[in-house]
């Protein structure tokens, strides 16, 4: 959890304002979108409404580049994965 807080603090130092719930920091309101911490510990990037799909791609690419840069500077790494413990393969 301390690594997540360090990442959010580093990001907030560049842009954004903290989103809090019950006194805990759970994300950032960014200039273009929001970054929130989900219950499983993963980050969710929410883009603002845009006119074209290409604009969504640009926003996501900028978010991903910032994420990877900050994570690397903190000696961490990004793991893109998912797991569903309930649904069968069928």
Protein backbone atom coordinates (compact mmCIF):
# COMPACT_ATOMS: atom_id res chain seq x y z
CA UNK A 1 0.00 0.00 0.00
CA UNK A 2 2.86 2.40 0.70
CA UNK A 3 4.08 1.95 -2.90
CA UNK A 4 0.64 2.91 -4.21
CA UNK A 5 0.57 5.99 -2.00
CA UNK A 6 4.09 6.91 -3.19
CA UNK A 7 2.98 6.59 -6.81
CA UNK A 8 -0.12 8.73 -6.25
CA UNK A 9 1.95 11.35 -4.41
CA UNK A 10 4.56 11.43 -7.19
CA UNK A 11 1.85 11.79 -9.84
CA UNK A 12 0.08 14.50 -7.85
CA UNK A 13 3.38 16.39 -7.72
CA UNK A 14 3.19 16.67 -11.52
CA UNK A 15 -0.55 17.13 -11.98
CA UNK A 16 -3.87 16.48 -10.37
CA UNK A 17 -5.62 16.74 -7.05
CA UNK A 18 -6.19 13.89 -4.64
CA UNK A 19 -9.54 12.09 -4.53
CA UNK A 20 -10.30 11.01 -0.96
CA UNK A 21 -12.83 8.69 0.60
CA UNK A 22 -13.14 8.40 4.39
CA UNK A 23 -9.84 10.27 4.73
CA UNK A 24 -7.94 7.84 2.48
CA UNK A 25 -6.43 8.85 -0.86
CA UNK A 26 -8.08 6.70 -3.53
CA UNK A 27 -7.07 8.48 -6.71
CA UNK A 28 -6.36 11.67 -8.61
CA UNK A 29 -8.46 14.07 -10.61
CA UNK A 30 -6.22 14.75 -13.58
CA UNK A 31 -6.23 17.56 -16.12
CA UNK A 32 -7.69 15.13 -18.66
CA UNK A 33 -9.43 12.31 -16.82
CA UNK A 34 -9.12 10.57 -13.49
CA UNK A 35 -6.98 7.86 -11.98
CA UNK A 36 -8.65 5.79 -9.27
CA UNK A 37 -7.53 2.91 -7.10
CA UNK A 38 -9.92 -0.02 -7.32
CA UNK A 39 -10.66 -2.48 -4.47
CA UNK A 40 -8.28 -5.13 -5.85
CA UNK A 41 -5.38 -2.66 -5.89
CA UNK A 42 -5.49 -1.98 -9.63
CA UNK A 43 -5.60 1.47 -11.18
CA UNK A 44 -8.42 2.59 -13.42
CA UNK A 45 -7.97 5.44 -15.87
CA UNK A 46 -11.19 7.24 -16.78
CA UNK A 47 -10.99 9.51 -19.81
CA UNK A 48 -13.26 12.51 -20.29
CA UNK A 49 -15.77 12.50 -23.15
CA UNK A 50 -14.07 13.00 -26.52
CA UNK A 51 -15.24 13.26 -30.11
CA UNK A 52 -13.06 10.58 -31.71
CA UNK A 53 -11.71 7.17 -30.76
CA UNK A 54 -8.23 8.38 -31.72
CA UNK A 55 -8.52 10.98 -28.94
CA UNK A 56 -9.11 8.18 -26.42
CA UNK A 57 -5.99 6.42 -27.68
CA UNK A 58 -3.93 9.61 -27.26
CA UNK A 59 -5.20 10.10 -23.71
CA UNK A 60 -4.48 6.49 -22.78
CA UNK A 61 -1.01 6.57 -24.33
CA UNK A 62 -0.16 9.71 -22.35
CA UNK A 63 -1.52 8.12 -19.15
CA UNK A 64 0.41 4.90 -19.76
CA UNK A 65 3.67 6.75 -20.50
CA UNK A 66 3.35 8.79 -17.30
CA UNK A 67 2.51 5.65 -15.29
CA UNK A 68 5.50 3.69 -16.59
CA UNK A 69 7.85 6.64 -16.04
CA UNK A 70 6.74 7.21 -12.45
CA UNK A 71 6.68 3.52 -11.58
CA UNK A 72 10.21 3.12 -12.93
CA UNK A 73 11.44 6.13 -10.96
CA UNK A 74 10.11 4.49 -7.77
CA UNK A 75 11.84 1.18 -8.54
CA UNK A 76 8.53 -0.56 -9.26
CA UNK A 77 7.00 -2.07 -12.39
CA UNK A 78 3.63 -2.29 -14.07
CA UNK A 79 1.94 -5.68 -14.34
CA UNK A 80 -0.97 -5.82 -16.77
CA UNK A 81 -3.06 -8.82 -15.87
CA UNK A 82 -6.45 -9.91 -14.70
CA UNK A 83 -7.93 -12.83 -12.84
CA UNK A 84 -11.52 -13.94 -12.43
CA UNK A 85 -11.79 -16.53 -9.64
CA UNK A 86 -15.50 -17.17 -10.25
CA UNK A 87 -16.19 -17.67 -13.96
CA UNK A 88 -15.23 -20.96 -15.59
CA UNK A 89 -13.42 -21.13 -18.94
CA UNK A 90 -16.55 -22.54 -20.55
